[in-house]
C-alpha atoms as a PDB file:
ATOM      1  CA  MET A   1      -3.911  13.325 -18.030  1.00  0.00           C
ATOM      2  CA  PRO A   2      -0.271  14.692 -20.143  1.00  0.00           C
ATOM      3  CA  GLN A   3       1.242  11.013 -21.440  1.00  0.00           C
ATOM      4  CA  ARG A   4       4.758  11.356 -20.541  1.00  0.00           C
ATOM      5  CA  THR A   5       8.157  10.748 -22.585  1.00  0.00           C
ATOM      6  CA  LYS A   6      10.564   8.697 -21.341  1.00  0.00           C
ATOM      7  CA  PHE A   7      13.926  10.793 -20.501  1.00  0.00           C
ATOM      8  CA  VAL A   8      12.059  13.735 -20.662  1.00  0.00           C
ATOM      9  CA  ILE A   9      11.613  15.626 -17.457  1.00  0.00           C
ATOM     10  CA  GLU A  10       8.408  18.338 -17.683  1.00  0.00           C
ATOM     11  CA  LEU A  11       7.858  21.483 -15.356  1.00  0.00           C
ATOM     12  CA  PRO A  12       5.240  21.146 -13.282  1.00  0.00           C
ATOM     13  CA  ALA A  13       3.704  23.854 -14.472  1.00  0.00           C
ATOM     14  CA  GLY A  14       2.824  23.185 -17.632  1.00  0.00           C
ATOM     15  CA  ASN A  15       0.250  21.452 -15.987  1.00  0.00           C
ATOM     16  CA  ARG A  16      -0.837  24.113 -13.161  1.00  0.00           C
ATOM     17  CA  PRO A  17      -2.908  27.244 -14.091  1.00  0.00           C
ATOM     18  CA  GLY A  18      -2.676  31.054 -13.044  1.00  0.00           C
ATOM     19  CA  ARG A  19       0.634  32.467 -12.681  1.00  0.00           C
ATOM     20  CA  SER A  20       1.326  31.018  -9.434  1.00  0.00           C
ATOM     21  CA  ALA A  21       2.565  28.004 -11.053  1.00  0.00           C
ATOM     22  CA  TRP A  22       6.017  29.390 -11.794  1.00  0.00           C
ATOM     23  CA  LEU A  23       7.027  29.378  -7.910  1.00  0.00           C
ATOM     24  CA  GLY A  24       8.325  26.711  -7.911  1.00  0.00           C
ATOM     25  CA  PRO A  25      10.746  27.171 -11.136  1.00  0.00           C
ATOM     26  CA  PHE A  26      11.241  30.474 -10.298  1.00  0.00           C
ATOM     27  CA  SER A  27      12.059  29.545  -6.142  1.00  0.00           C
ATOM     28  CA  LEU A  28      14.326  26.896  -7.861  1.00  0.00           C
ATOM     29  CA  ALA A  29      16.137  30.148 -10.704  1.00  0.00           C
ATOM     30  CA  LEU A  30      16.121  31.806  -7.411  1.00  0.00           C
ATOM     31  CA  ALA A  31      18.170  28.810  -5.492  1.00  0.00           C
ATOM     32  CA  ALA A  32      20.566  28.673  -8.125  1.00  0.00           C
ATOM     33  CA  LEU A  33      20.904  32.031  -8.146  1.00  0.00           C
ATOM     34  CA  CYS A  34      22.281  32.978  -4.751  1.00  0.00           C
ATOM     35  CA  TRP A  35      25.440  30.720  -4.790  1.00  0.00           C
ATOM     36  CA  PHE A  36      26.628  33.142  -7.260  1.00  0.00           C
ATOM     37  CA  LEU A  37      26.087  36.464  -5.623  1.00  0.00           C
ATOM     38  CA  PRO A  38      28.299  37.341  -3.774  1.00  0.00           C
ATOM     39  CA  SER A  39      26.561  39.533  -1.127  1.00  0.00           C
ATOM     40  CA  GLY A  40      23.190  39.439  -1.246  1.00  0.00           C
ATOM     41  CA  GLY A  41      22.678  35.691  -1.603  1.00  0.00           C
ATOM     42  CA  ALA A  42      21.387  35.203   1.672  1.00  0.00           C
ATOM     43  CA  LEU A  43      18.571  37.744   1.034  1.00  0.00           C
ATOM     44  CA  VAL A  44      17.594  35.377  -2.664  1.00  0.00           C
ATOM     45  CA  GLY A  45      18.288  32.623  -0.339  1.00  0.00           C
ATOM     46  CA  ALA A  46      15.113  33.804   2.090  1.00  0.00           C
ATOM     47  CA  ALA A  47      13.237  34.846  -1.425  1.00  0.00           C
ATOM     48  CA  ALA A  48      13.749  30.745  -2.853  1.00  0.00           C
ATOM     49  CA  VAL A  49      12.549  28.967  -0.388  1.00  0.00           C
ATOM     50  CA  VAL A  50       9.877  31.962   0.418  1.00  0.00           C
ATOM     51  CA  CYS A  51       8.290  31.728  -3.238  1.00  0.00           C
ATOM     52  CA  GLY A  52       8.782  27.625  -2.262  1.00  0.00           C
ATOM     53  CA  ALA A  53       6.960  27.135   0.128  1.00  0.00           C
ATOM     54  CA  LEU A  54       3.294  29.260  -1.410  1.00  0.00           C
ATOM     55  CA  SER A  55       3.768  26.500  -4.325  1.00  0.00           C
ATOM     56  CA  ILE A  56       3.568  24.100  -2.219  1.00  0.00           C
ATOM     57  CA  ALA A  57       0.936  25.487  -0.128  1.00  0.00           C
ATOM     58  CA  THR A  58      -0.970  27.575  -2.498  1.00  0.00           C
ATOM     59  CA  ARG A  59      -2.115  24.603  -5.045  1.00  0.00           C
ATOM     60  CA  LYS A  60      -2.899  21.586  -2.749  1.00  0.00           C
ATOM     61  CA  GLU A  61      -4.949  19.630  -5.506  1.00  0.00           C
ATOM     62  CA  TYR A  62      -1.975  19.287  -7.472  1.00  0.00           C
ATOM     63  CA  ARG A  63       0.791  17.173  -6.327  1.00  0.00           C
ATOM     64  CA  ILE A  64       4.020  18.392  -4.317  1.00  0.00           C
ATOM     65  CA  ASP A  65       6.494  20.847  -7.633  1.00  0.00           C
ATOM     66  CA  TRP A  66       9.464  19.140  -7.266  1.00  0.00           C
ATOM     67  CA  THR A  67      11.084  22.286  -9.122  1.00  0.00           C
ATOM     68  CA  ALA A  68      10.058  23.970  -5.192  1.00  0.00           C
ATOM     69  CA  VAL A  69      11.283  21.274  -3.045  1.00  0.00           C
ATOM     70  CA  ALA A  70      14.104  21.589  -4.850  1.00  0.00           C
ATOM     71  CA  GLY A  71      14.804  25.305  -4.397  1.00  0.00           C
ATOM     72  CA  ILE A  72      13.791  24.895  -0.627  1.00  0.00           C
ATOM     73  CA  GLY A  73      16.468  22.357   0.143  1.00  0.00           C
ATOM     74  CA  VAL A  74      19.413  24.624  -2.037  1.00  0.00           C
ATOM     75  CA  GLY A  75      18.409  28.179  -0.279  1.00  0.00           C
ATOM     76  CA  LEU A  76      17.967  26.577   2.552  1.00  0.00           C
ATOM     77  CA  ALA A  77      21.632  24.856   2.565  1.00  0.00           C
ATOM     78  CA  GLN A  78      22.104  28.894   1.435  1.00  0.00           C
ATOM     79  CA  LEU A  79      21.379  30.100   4.371  1.00  0.00           C
ATOM     80  CA  ALA A  80      22.952  27.123   6.308  1.00  0.00           C
ATOM     81  CA  TRP A  81      26.088  28.604   5.203  1.00  0.00           C
ATOM     82  CA  PHE A  82      25.646  31.606   5.097  1.00  0.00           C
ATOM     83  CA  LEU A  83      24.789  31.360   9.025  1.00  0.00           C
ATOM     84  CA  THR A  84      28.018  29.157   9.374  1.00  0.00           C
ATOM     85  CA  LEU A  85      30.197  31.107   7.857  1.00  0.00           C
ATOM     86  CA  LEU A  86      28.703  34.175  10.341  1.00  0.00           C
ATOM     87  CA  GLY A  87      29.262  32.009  13.041  1.00  0.00           C
ATOM     88  CA  ILE A  88      33.040  32.074  11.800  1.00  0.00           C
ATOM     89  CA  THR A  89      33.652  35.584  12.083  1.00  0.00           C
END
């Protein structure tokens, strides 16, 4: 088990083997990016939710990735905002 230093947040991908370990951080990056895209933000938000869900579902022997959970939350917020704007117009 790696030692943790106070006040340092480490990416969970460093503790997981394989390429699928980067699905959580990629989900968070996509979720942050979707808020800056005027068109296609909902598609990028949906991709963030899918990447986050895959990150959680594929590596059950590890703790839940906080970056995947954050990516799912921010991506769902973008989708809710898109549906709200769609309902207004």
